[in-house]
Amino acid sequence: MSLDDRWFTEIHAAEGSAFSLKIKAKLHEEQTPFQKIEIYDTETYGKLMIIDGCTMVSTYDNFLYHEMMSHPVLFSHPNPKRVVIIGGGDCGTLREVLKHPGIESAVQVDIDERVTRLSEQYFPELCESNDDPRATLMFDDGIKYVKDLEPGSVDVVIVDSTDPVGPAEGLFSRPFFEDVHRALAPNGLVVQQSESPLYHTDRIIKPMHDMMRAAGFLDVMTITFPQPLYPSGWWSATLACKDMPVMFAREEQAEELPFPTEYYNAAVHRAACASPNFMLKKLMG
């Protein structure tokens, strides 16, 4: 990370690249028991949250990530009712999940309550569903929470985590995926953010596919989408189904969305499922 009076820059040294935003002011900084959180006001991206020096969420482009972490997996399930979100402390994914009228319960489990409280202050539009009676906000260890779930008690698990370091490292492991598999009901699906396909197919996406299959998942698929704030500007989420192929189960309903979105629609969903050749070669190698 580099910061002067005008620019915040996240440097990706291993890839020889960086991403910068012009800053108007620093609004907040604190060290929680888990991580360092900073909030900035930017010239063009609105509010910006930084955790441990890495860009997390901005007012301007967060809809890309939150919609693609939520709607593809929910429209891939034939009848999702019970959702668990691991991480997701900014509450944007929770907001998108609760746009689906069929959802009966959505439990969000983030280890750091300060992420949510700062989001309520600086990103209130992301938190507009926090008081929905279907929502439960918990501040606890998501790995332990999933381990303690009753077998077959959840339809969809969304792992909206930070990078696979620090508190999130255990979320990218076979034991965690085994616990998710056990907690899922028949037709159950998990989706996890899986970093940049351009930078991380070898280091993260391919190992994630292998670990998910080794944990018992029948089918695994990675979708891709733009995300300017994150390394390379191109991001991914990896879906796995417990006992059937990953498919666009409710395509007709997605064609006539019953709620507003900024990015997601049925055509985007179909396109996101198409992997470029370099990814296919690495995933099949």
C-alpha atoms as a PDB file:
ATOM      1  CA  MET A   1       0.000   0.000   0.000  1.00  0.00           C
ATOM      2  CA  SER A   2       1.151   3.521  -0.744  1.00  0.00           C
ATOM      3  CA  LEU A   3      -0.551   6.739   0.321  1.00  0.00           C
ATOM      4  CA  ASP A   4       0.272  10.390  -0.133  1.00  0.00           C
ATOM      5  CA  ASP A   5      -2.007  13.381   0.272  1.00  0.00           C
ATOM      6  CA  ARG A   6      -3.800  12.702  -3.015  1.00  0.00           C
ATOM      7  CA  TRP A   7      -3.783   8.980  -3.847  1.00  0.00           C
ATOM      8  CA  PHE A   8      -4.414   5.619  -2.248  1.00  0.00           C
ATOM      9  CA  THR A   9      -2.479   2.896  -4.085  1.00  0.00           C
ATOM     10  CA  GLU A  10      -2.706  -0.843  -3.533  1.00  0.00           C
ATOM     11  CA  ILE A  11       0.446  -2.446  -4.944  1.00  0.00           C
ATOM     12  CA  HIS A  12       0.321  -6.033  -6.190  1.00  0.00           C
ATOM     13  CA  ALA A  13       4.037  -6.694  -6.101  1.00  0.00           C
ATOM     14  CA  ALA A  14       3.928 -10.315  -7.264  1.00  0.00           C
ATOM     15  CA  GLU A  15       2.086  -9.295 -10.422  1.00  0.00           C
ATOM     16  CA  GLY A  16       3.986  -6.044 -10.969  1.00  0.00           C
ATOM     17  CA  SER A  17       0.774  -3.998 -10.959  1.00  0.00           C
ATOM     18  CA  ALA A  18      -1.101  -1.501  -8.808  1.00  0.00           C
ATOM     19  CA  PHE A  19      -4.481   0.187  -8.460  1.00  0.00           C
ATOM     20  CA  SER A  20      -4.894   3.808  -7.377  1.00  0.00           C
ATOM     21  CA  LEU A  21      -7.753   6.093  -6.410  1.00  0.00           C
ATOM     22  CA  LYS A  22      -7.592   9.842  -5.910  1.00  0.00           C
ATOM     23  CA  ILE A  23      -8.436  10.683  -2.310  1.00  0.00           C
ATOM     24  CA  LYS A  24     -10.336  13.666  -0.947  1.00  0.00           C
ATOM     25  CA  ALA A  25     -10.015  12.804   2.746  1.00  0.00           C
ATOM     26  CA  LYS A  26      -9.410  10.038   5.264  1.00  0.00           C
ATOM     27  CA  LEU A  27     -12.617   9.593   7.252  1.00  0.00           C
ATOM     28  CA  HIS A  28     -11.701   6.880   9.745  1.00  0.00           C
ATOM     29  CA  GLU A  29      -8.917   4.557  10.864  1.00  0.00           C
ATOM     30  CA  GLU A  30      -8.822   1.918  13.588  1.00  0.00           C
ATOM     31  CA  GLN A  31      -7.108  -1.313  14.537  1.00  0.00           C
ATOM     32  CA  THR A  32      -9.612  -3.934  15.653  1.00  0.00           C
ATOM     33  CA  PRO A  33      -8.609  -7.171  17.401  1.00  0.00           C
ATOM     34  CA  PHE A  34      -8.603  -8.764  13.944  1.00  0.00           C
ATOM     35  CA  GLN A  35      -7.482  -6.226  11.333  1.00  0.00           C
ATOM     36  CA  LYS A  36      -6.815  -2.600  10.447  1.00  0.00           C
ATOM     37  CA  ILE A  37      -9.770  -0.763   8.863  1.00  0.00           C
ATOM     38  CA  GLU A  38      -9.545   2.553   7.025  1.00  0.00           C
ATOM     39  CA  ILE A  39     -12.308   4.581   5.363  1.00  0.00           C
ATOM     40  CA  TYR A  40     -11.606   7.210   2.706  1.00  0.00           C
ATOM     41  CA  ASP A  41     -13.650   9.634   0.662  1.00  0.00           C
ATOM     42  CA  THR A  42     -12.480   9.445  -2.960  1.00  0.00           C
ATOM     43  CA  GLU A  43     -12.836  11.757  -5.936  1.00  0.00           C
ATOM     44  CA  THR A  44     -14.738   9.328  -8.188  1.00  0.00           C
ATOM     45  CA  TYR A  45     -15.503   6.060  -6.327  1.00  0.00           C
ATOM     46  CA  GLY A  46     -17.349   7.534  -3.349  1.00  0.00           C
ATOM     47  CA  LYS A  47     -16.515   6.016   0.022  1.00  0.00           C
ATOM     48  CA  LEU A  48     -13.753   3.402   0.107  1.00  0.00           C
ATOM     49  CA  MET A  49     -13.063   0.753   2.763  1.00  0.00           C
ATOM     50  CA  ILE A  50      -9.559  -0.629   3.165  1.00  0.00           C
ATOM     51  CA  ILE A  51      -8.758  -3.649   5.347  1.00  0.00           C
ATOM     52  CA  ASP A  52      -5.116  -4.422   6.136  1.00  0.00           C
ATOM     53  CA  GLY A  53      -4.033  -2.288   3.206  1.00  0.00           C
ATOM     54  CA  CYS A  54      -6.284  -4.011   0.650  1.00  0.00           C
ATOM     55  CA  THR A  55      -9.290  -2.472  -1.089  1.00  0.00           C
ATOM     56  CA  MET A  56     -12.541  -4.044   0.084  1.00  0.00           C
ATOM     57  CA  VAL A  57     -15.553  -2.053  -1.056  1.00  0.00           C
ATOM     58  CA  SER A  58     -16.431   1.259  -2.673  1.00  0.00           C
ATOM     59  CA  THR A  59     -19.693   3.104  -3.143  1.00  0.00           C
ATOM     60  CA  TYR A  60     -19.167   3.258  -6.912  1.00  0.00           C
ATOM     61  CA  ASP A  61     -18.595  -0.345  -7.990  1.00  0.00           C
ATOM     62  CA  ASN A  62     -19.652  -2.653  -5.143  1.00  0.00           C
ATOM     63  CA  PHE A  63     -22.796  -3.760  -6.994  1.00  0.00           C
ATOM     64  CA  LEU A  64     -20.688  -5.864  -9.355  1.00  0.00           C
ATOM     65  CA  TYR A  65     -19.300  -8.033  -6.570  1.00  0.00           C
ATOM     66  CA  HIS A  66     -22.357  -8.214  -4.345  1.00  0.00           C
ATOM     67  CA  GLU A  67     -24.763  -9.102  -7.151  1.00  0.00           C
ATOM     68  CA  MET A  68     -22.483 -11.756  -8.626  1.00  0.00           C
ATOM     69  CA  MET A  69     -21.795 -13.315  -5.225  1.00  0.00           C
ATOM     70  CA  SER A  70     -25.538 -13.622  -4.612  1.00  0.00           C
ATOM     71  CA  HIS A  71     -27.781 -14.010  -7.634  1.00  0.00           C
ATOM     72  CA  PRO A  72     -25.939 -16.649  -9.720  1.00  0.00           C
ATOM     73  CA  VAL A  73     -25.825 -19.111  -6.830  1.00  0.00           C
ATOM     74  CA  LEU A  74     -29.403 -18.401  -5.729  1.00  0.00           C
ATOM     75  CA  PHE A  75     -30.813 -18.780  -9.251  1.00  0.00           C
ATOM     76  CA  SER A  76     -28.756 -21.975  -9.612  1.00  0.00           C
ATOM     77  CA  HIS A  77     -30.643 -23.547  -6.702  1.00  0.00           C
ATOM     78  CA  PRO A  78     -34.125 -24.877  -7.472  1.00  0.00           C
ATOM     79  CA  ASN A  79     -35.722 -23.472  -4.296  1.00  0.00           C
ATOM     80  CA  PRO A  80     -33.370 -21.697  -1.884  1.00  0.00           C
ATOM     81  CA  LYS A  81     -34.857 -20.863   1.500  1.00  0.00           C
ATOM     82  CA  ARG A  82     -32.059 -21.026   4.096  1.00  0.00           C
ATOM     83  CA  VAL A  83     -28.865 -19.082   3.412  1.00  0.00           C
ATOM     84  CA  VAL A  84     -25.706 -18.654   5.453  1.00  0.00           C
ATOM     85  CA  ILE A  85     -23.221 -15.900   4.597  1.00  0.00           C
ATOM     86  CA  ILE A  86     -19.723 -16.338   6.008  1.00  0.00           C
ATOM     87  CA  GLY A  87     -17.970 -12.978   6.149  1.00  0.00           C
ATOM     88  CA  GLY A  88     -19.779 -10.268   4.242  1.00  0.00           C
ATOM     89  CA  GLY A  89     -19.517  -7.772   7.079  1.00  0.00           C
ATOM     90  CA  ASP A  90     -20.285  -4.801   4.824  1.00  0.00           C
ATOM     91  CA  CYS A  91     -23.767  -6.377   4.409  1.00  0.00           C
ATOM     92  CA  GLY A  92     -24.026  -5.794   0.646  1.00  0.00           C
ATOM     93  CA  THR A  93     -24.334  -9.507  -0.086  1.00  0.00           C
ATOM     94  CA  LEU A  94     -27.001  -9.842   2.602  1.00  0.00           C
ATOM     95  CA  ARG A  95     -28.955  -7.041   0.927  1.00  0.00           C
ATOM     96  CA  GLU A  96     -28.857  -8.840  -2.418  1.00  0.00           C
ATOM     97  CA  VAL A  97     -29.798 -12.221  -0.919  1.00  0.00           C
ATOM     98  CA  LEU A  98     -32.865 -10.743   0.753  1.00  0.00           C
ATOM     99  CA  LYS A  99     -34.138  -9.346  -2.541  1.00  0.00           C
ATOM    100  CA  HIS A 100     -35.241 -12.935  -3.265  1.00  0.00           C
ATOM    101  CA  PRO A 101     -38.773 -13.286  -1.902  1.00  0.00           C
ATOM    102  CA  GLY A 102     -38.420 -17.034  -1.356  1.00  0.00           C
ATOM    103  CA  ILE A 103     -35.631 -16.671   1.191  1.00  0.00           C
ATOM    104  CA  GLU A 104     -36.896 -17.514   4.664  1.00  0.00           C
ATOM    105  CA  SER A 105     -33.698 -16.944   6.652  1.00  0.00           C
ATOM    106  CA  ALA A 106     -30.279 -15.425   5.994  1.00  0.00           C
ATOM    107  CA  VAL A 107     -27.633 -15.681   8.705  1.00  0.00           C
ATOM    108  CA  GLN A 108     -24.529 -13.535   8.277  1.00  0.00           C
ATOM    109  CA  VAL A 109     -21.512 -14.550  10.343  1.00  0.00           C
ATOM    110  CA  ASP A 110     -18.551 -12.161  10.342  1.00  0.00           C
ATOM    111  CA  ILE A 111     -15.752 -12.323  12.867  1.00  0.00           C
ATOM    112  CA  ASP A 112     -15.302  -8.538  13.108  1.00  0.00           C
ATOM    113  CA  GLU A 113     -18.322  -6.513  14.203  1.00  0.00           C
ATOM    114  CA  ARG A 114     -16.535  -3.255  13.445  1.00  0.00           C
ATOM    115  CA  VAL A 115     -16.746  -3.914   9.702  1.00  0.00           C
ATOM    116  CA  THR A 116     -20.529  -3.951   9.969  1.00  0.00           C
ATOM    117  CA  ARG A 117     -20.794  -0.971  12.285  1.00  0.00           C
ATOM    118  CA  LEU A 118     -18.555   1.136  10.038  1.00  0.00           C
ATOM    119  CA  SER A 119     -20.548   0.024   7.002  1.00  0.00           C
ATOM    120  CA  GLU A 120     -23.735   1.166   8.706  1.00  0.00           C
ATOM    121  CA  GLN A 121     -22.095   4.561   9.163  1.00  0.00           C
ATOM    122  CA  TYR A 122     -20.315   5.033   5.835  1.00  0.00           C
ATOM    123  CA  PHE A 123     -22.137   2.643   3.462  1.00  0.00           C
ATOM    124  CA  PRO A 124     -25.743   2.773   4.735  1.00  0.00           C
ATOM    125  CA  GLU A 125     -27.115   1.780   1.324  1.00  0.00           C
ATOM    126  CA  LEU A 126     -25.447  -1.631   1.743  1.00  0.00           C
ATOM    127  CA  CYS A 127     -27.069  -2.130   5.135  1.00  0.00           C
ATOM    128  CA  GLU A 128     -30.664  -1.315   4.245  1.00  0.00           C
ATOM    129  CA  SER A 129     -31.765  -4.936   4.805  1.00  0.00           C
ATOM    130  CA  ASN A 130     -30.050  -5.423   8.161  1.00  0.00           C
ATOM    131  CA  ASP A 131     -33.369  -5.021   9.971  1.00  0.00           C
ATOM    132  CA  ASP A 132     -35.237  -7.414   7.692  1.00  0.00           C
ATOM    133  CA  PRO A 133     -36.935  -9.978   9.976  1.00  0.00           C
ATOM    134  CA  ARG A 134     -35.388 -12.770   7.893  1.00  0.00           C
ATOM    135  CA  ALA A 135     -31.854 -11.525   8.640  1.00  0.00           C
ATOM    136  CA  THR A 136     -29.654 -12.556  11.552  1.00  0.00           C
ATOM    137  CA  LEU A 137     -26.308 -10.810  12.087  1.00  0.00           C
ATOM    138  CA  MET A 138     -23.760 -12.761  14.115  1.00  0.00           C
ATOM    139  CA  PHE A 139     -20.213 -11.755  15.018  1.00  0.00           C
ATOM    140  CA  ASP A 140     -18.321 -14.971  15.489  1.00  0.00           C
ATOM    141  CA  ASP A 141     -15.864 -17.384  13.900  1.00  0.00           C
ATOM    142  CA  GLY A 142     -17.471 -18.469  10.630  1.00  0.00           C
ATOM    143  CA  ILE A 143     -15.404 -21.655  10.426  1.00  0.00           C
ATOM    144  CA  LYS A 144     -16.659 -22.815  13.820  1.00  0.00           C
ATOM    145  CA  TYR A 145     -20.202 -21.732  12.971  1.00  0.00           C
ATOM    146  CA  VAL A 146     -20.278 -23.930   9.881  1.00  0.00           C
ATOM    147  CA  LYS A 147     -18.721 -26.853  11.764  1.00  0.00           C
ATOM    148  CA  ASP A 148     -21.520 -26.651  14.352  1.00  0.00           C
ATOM    149  CA  LEU A 149     -24.393 -26.508  11.844  1.00  0.00           C
ATOM    150  CA  GLU A 150     -26.827 -29.409  11.790  1.00  0.00           C
ATOM    151  CA  PRO A 151     -26.341 -31.739   8.814  1.00  0.00           C
ATOM    152  CA  GLY A 152     -28.593 -30.817   5.893  1.00  0.00           C
ATOM    153  CA  SER A 153     -29.785 -27.588   7.537  1.00  0.00           C
ATOM    154  CA  VAL A 154     -28.781 -25.036   4.869  1.00  0.00           C
ATOM    155  CA  ASP A 155     -29.619 -24.609   1.175  1.00  0.00           C
ATOM    156  CA  VAL A 156     -26.905 -22.127   0.159  1.00  0.00           C
ATOM    157  CA  VAL A 157     -23.626 -21.066   1.771  1.00  0.00           C
ATOM    158  CA  ILE A 158     -22.023 -17.860   0.503  1.00  0.00           C
ATOM    159  CA  VAL A 159     -18.405 -17.353   1.543  1.00  0.00           C
ATOM    160  CA  ASP A 160     -17.883 -13.606   1.159  1.00  0.00           C
ATOM    161  CA  SER A 161     -14.386 -13.474   2.587  1.00  0.00           C
ATOM    162  CA  THR A 162     -11.278 -11.373   2.355  1.00  0.00           C
ATOM    163  CA  ASP A 163      -8.131 -12.727   0.685  1.00  0.00           C
ATOM    164  CA  PRO A 164      -6.900 -16.155   1.926  1.00  0.00           C
ATOM    165  CA  VAL A 165      -4.622 -14.736   4.614  1.00  0.00           C
ATOM    166  CA  GLY A 166      -5.126 -13.947   8.286  1.00  0.00           C
ATOM    167  CA  PRO A 167      -8.646 -14.582   9.623  1.00  0.00           C
ATOM    168  CA  ALA A 168      -9.845 -15.853   6.217  1.00  0.00           C
ATOM    169  CA  GLU A 169      -7.095 -18.397   5.575  1.00  0.00           C
ATOM    170  CA  GLY A 170      -9.051 -21.328   7.022  1.00  0.00           C
ATOM    171  CA  LEU A 171     -11.970 -20.624   4.663  1.00  0.00           C
ATOM    172  CA  PHE A 172      -9.814 -21.858   1.771  1.00  0.00           C
ATOM    173  CA  SER A 173      -9.256 -25.379   3.097  1.00  0.00           C
ATOM    174  CA  ARG A 174     -10.565 -28.901   2.578  1.00  0.00           C
ATOM    175  CA  PRO A 175     -11.763 -29.312   6.215  1.00  0.00           C
ATOM    176  CA  PHE A 176     -13.911 -26.188   5.846  1.00  0.00           C
ATOM    177  CA  PHE A 177     -15.403 -27.429   2.573  1.00  0.00           C
ATOM    178  CA  GLU A 178     -16.132 -30.794   4.180  1.00  0.00           C
ATOM    179  CA  ASP A 179     -18.077 -29.024   6.935  1.00  0.00           C
ATOM    180  CA  VAL A 180     -19.972 -26.977   4.319  1.00  0.00           C
ATOM    181  CA  HIS A 181     -20.806 -30.152   2.375  1.00  0.00           C
ATOM    182  CA  ARG A 182     -22.191 -31.804   5.513  1.00  0.00           C
ATOM    183  CA  ALA A 183     -24.274 -28.734   6.424  1.00  0.00           C
ATOM    184  CA  LEU A 184     -25.902 -28.461   3.001  1.00  0.00           C
ATOM    185  CA  ALA A 185     -29.266 -30.049   2.245  1.00  0.00           C
ATOM    186  CA  PRO A 186     -29.855 -32.017  -0.988  1.00  0.00           C
ATOM    187  CA  ASN A 187     -29.242 -29.770  -4.043  1.00  0.00           C
ATOM    188  CA  GLY A 188     -27.243 -27.497  -1.741  1.00  0.00           C
ATOM    189  CA  LEU A 189     -24.756 -25.040  -3.194  1.00  0.00           C
ATOM    190  CA  VAL A 190     -21.763 -23.104  -1.927  1.00  0.00           C
ATOM    191  CA  VAL A 191     -20.167 -20.089  -3.597  1.00  0.00           C
ATOM    192  CA  GLN A 192     -16.872 -18.555  -2.543  1.00  0.00           C
ATOM    193  CA  GLN A 193     -15.018 -15.558  -3.885  1.00  0.00           C
ATOM    194  CA  SER A 194     -11.942 -16.974  -5.612  1.00  0.00           C
ATOM    195  CA  GLU A 195      -9.768 -13.990  -6.532  1.00  0.00           C
ATOM    196  CA  SER A 196      -8.542 -12.959  -9.993  1.00  0.00           C
ATOM    197  CA  PRO A 197      -8.689 -15.492 -12.830  1.00  0.00           C
ATOM    198  CA  LEU A 198      -5.815 -13.626 -14.492  1.00  0.00           C
ATOM    199  CA  TYR A 199      -3.525 -13.739 -11.462  1.00  0.00           C
ATOM    200  CA  HIS A 200      -4.774 -16.608  -9.301  1.00  0.00           C
ATOM    201  CA  THR A 201      -6.088 -19.502 -11.426  1.00  0.00           C
ATOM    202  CA  ASP A 202      -3.017 -21.616 -10.606  1.00  0.00           C
ATOM    203  CA  ARG A 203      -2.571 -20.530  -6.993  1.00  0.00           C
ATOM    204  CA  ILE A 204      -6.173 -20.318  -5.753  1.00  0.00           C
ATOM    205  CA  ILE A 205      -8.901 -21.318  -8.225  1.00  0.00           C
ATOM    206  CA  LYS A 206      -7.450 -24.691  -9.312  1.00  0.00           C
ATOM    207  CA  PRO A 207      -6.619 -25.757  -5.717  1.00  0.00           C
ATOM    208  CA  MET A 208     -10.123 -24.671  -4.670  1.00  0.00           C
ATOM    209  CA  HIS A 209     -11.690 -26.875  -7.362  1.00  0.00           C
ATOM    210  CA  ASP A 210      -9.563 -29.803  -6.202  1.00  0.00           C
ATOM    211  CA  MET A 211     -10.378 -29.276  -2.509  1.00  0.00           C
ATOM    212  CA  MET A 212     -14.108 -28.926  -3.169  1.00  0.00           C
ATOM    213  CA  ARG A 213     -14.205 -32.156  -5.149  1.00  0.00           C
ATOM    214  CA  ALA A 214     -12.102 -33.929  -2.512  1.00  0.00           C
ATOM    215  CA  ALA A 215     -14.580 -32.687   0.128  1.00  0.00           C
ATOM    216  CA  GLY A 216     -17.390 -34.520  -1.682  1.00  0.00           C
ATOM    217  CA  PHE A 217     -18.935 -31.931  -4.001  1.00  0.00           C
ATOM    218  CA  LEU A 218     -20.203 -33.468  -7.226  1.00  0.00           C
ATOM    219  CA  ASP A 219     -19.637 -30.478  -9.499  1.00  0.00           C
ATOM    220  CA  VAL A 220     -17.605 -27.256  -9.391  1.00  0.00           C
ATOM    221  CA  MET A 221     -17.796 -24.171 -11.630  1.00  0.00           C
ATOM    222  CA  THR A 222     -16.060 -20.792 -11.595  1.00  0.00           C
ATOM    223  CA  ILE A 223     -17.841 -17.690 -12.852  1.00  0.00           C
ATOM    224  CA  THR A 224     -16.058 -14.448 -13.726  1.00  0.00           C
ATOM    225  CA  PHE A 225     -17.048 -10.794 -13.701  1.00  0.00           C
ATOM    226  CA  PRO A 226     -15.450  -7.317 -13.775  1.00  0.00           C
ATOM    227  CA  GLN A 227     -14.401  -5.683 -10.524  1.00  0.00           C
ATOM    228  CA  PRO A 228     -12.228  -2.581 -11.016  1.00  0.00           C
ATOM    229  CA  LEU A 229     -11.340  -2.239  -7.336  1.00  0.00           C
ATOM    230  CA  TYR A 230      -9.616  -5.633  -7.070  1.00  0.00           C
ATOM    231  CA  PRO A 231      -6.300  -6.935  -8.481  1.00  0.00           C
ATOM    232  CA  SER A 232      -6.362  -7.049 -12.325  1.00  0.00           C
ATOM    233  CA  GLY A 233      -9.918  -5.618 -12.420  1.00  0.00           C
ATOM    234  CA  TRP A 234     -11.302  -9.098 -13.167  1.00  0.00           C
ATOM    235  CA  TRP A 235     -12.716 -11.282 -10.392  1.00  0.00           C
ATOM    236  CA  SER A 236     -14.233 -14.696  -9.859  1.00  0.00           C
ATOM    237  CA  ALA A 237     -16.516 -16.754  -7.640  1.00  0.00           C
ATOM    238  CA  THR A 238     -16.456 -20.540  -7.477  1.00  0.00           C
ATOM    239  CA  LEU A 239     -19.669 -22.537  -7.056  1.00  0.00           C
ATOM    240  CA  ALA A 240     -19.954 -26.168  -5.978  1.00  0.00           C
ATOM    241  CA  CYS A 241     -23.046 -28.363  -5.764  1.00  0.00           C
ATOM    242  CA  LYS A 242     -23.438 -31.135  -3.237  1.00  0.00           C
ATOM    243  CA  ASP A 243     -25.101 -33.786  -5.362  1.00  0.00           C
ATOM    244  CA  MET A 244     -25.939 -32.544  -8.862  1.00  0.00           C
ATOM    245  CA  PRO A 245     -24.313 -30.530 -11.679  1.00  0.00           C
ATOM    246  CA  VAL A 246     -24.120 -26.776 -11.214  1.00  0.00           C
ATOM    247  CA  MET A 247     -26.824 -25.438 -13.525  1.00  0.00           C
ATOM    248  CA  PHE A 248     -28.999 -22.370 -14.121  1.00  0.00           C
ATOM    249  CA  ALA A 249     -31.958 -24.015 -12.381  1.00  0.00           C
ATOM    250  CA  ARG A 250     -34.292 -20.998 -12.314  1.00  0.00           C
ATOM    251  CA  GLU A 251     -33.370 -19.368 -15.605  1.00  0.00           C
ATOM    252  CA  GLU A 252     -36.962 -18.425 -16.448  1.00  0.00           C
ATOM    253  CA  GLN A 253     -37.346 -16.540 -13.175  1.00  0.00           C
ATOM    254  CA  ALA A 254     -34.053 -14.741 -13.750  1.00  0.00           C
ATOM    255  CA  GLU A 255     -35.277 -13.657 -17.190  1.00  0.00           C
ATOM    256  CA  GLU A 256     -38.025 -11.692 -15.425  1.00  0.00           C
ATOM    257  CA  LEU A 257     -36.267 -10.425 -12.321  1.00  0.00           C
ATOM    258  CA  PRO A 258     -38.737  -9.527  -9.570  1.00  0.00           C
ATOM    259  CA  PHE A 259     -36.303  -6.975  -8.133  1.00  0.00           C
ATOM    260  CA  PRO A 260     -33.892  -4.299  -9.430  1.00  0.00           C
ATOM    261  CA  THR A 261     -30.225  -4.977 -10.173  1.00  0.00           C
ATOM    262  CA  GLU A 262     -27.433  -2.857 -11.623  1.00  0.00           C
ATOM    263  CA  TYR A 263     -25.389  -5.613 -13.304  1.00  0.00           C
ATOM    264  CA  TYR A 264     -26.913  -9.073 -12.931  1.00  0.00           C
ATOM    265  CA  ASN A 265     -29.441 -10.452 -15.411  1.00  0.00           C
ATOM    266  CA  ALA A 266     -30.022 -13.813 -17.049  1.00  0.00           C
ATOM    267  CA  ALA A 267     -27.754 -13.056 -20.008  1.00  0.00           C
ATOM    268  CA  VAL A 268     -24.936 -11.947 -17.694  1.00  0.00           C
ATOM    269  CA  HIS A 269     -25.398 -15.145 -15.671  1.00  0.00           C
ATOM    270  CA  ARG A 270     -25.061 -17.312 -18.773  1.00  0.00           C
ATOM    271  CA  ALA A 271     -22.031 -15.386 -19.986  1.00  0.00           C
ATOM    272  CA  ALA A 272     -20.292 -15.535 -16.611  1.00  0.00           C
ATOM    273  CA  CYS A 273     -20.377 -19.344 -16.744  1.00  0.00           C
ATOM    274  CA  ALA A 274     -18.215 -19.419 -19.881  1.00  0.00           C
ATOM    275  CA  SER A 275     -14.540 -19.892 -18.985  1.00  0.00           C
ATOM    276  CA  PRO A 276     -11.784 -18.588 -21.272  1.00  0.00           C
ATOM    277  CA  ASN A 277      -9.443 -21.161 -22.784  1.00  0.00           C
ATOM    278  CA  PHE A 278      -6.452 -20.375 -20.577  1.00  0.00           C
ATOM    279  CA  MET A 279      -8.561 -21.067 -17.484  1.00  0.00           C
ATOM    280  CA  LEU A 280      -9.940 -24.298 -18.881  1.00  0.00           C
ATOM    281  CA  LYS A 281      -6.432 -25.550 -19.659  1.00  0.00           C
ATOM    282  CA  LYS A 282      -5.241 -24.802 -16.138  1.00  0.00           C
ATOM    283  CA  LEU A 283      -8.336 -26.211 -14.437  1.00  0.00           C
ATOM    284  CA  MET A 284      -8.223 -29.407 -16.454  1.00  0.00           C
ATOM    285  CA  GLY A 285      -4.455 -29.810 -16.254  1.00  0.00           C
END
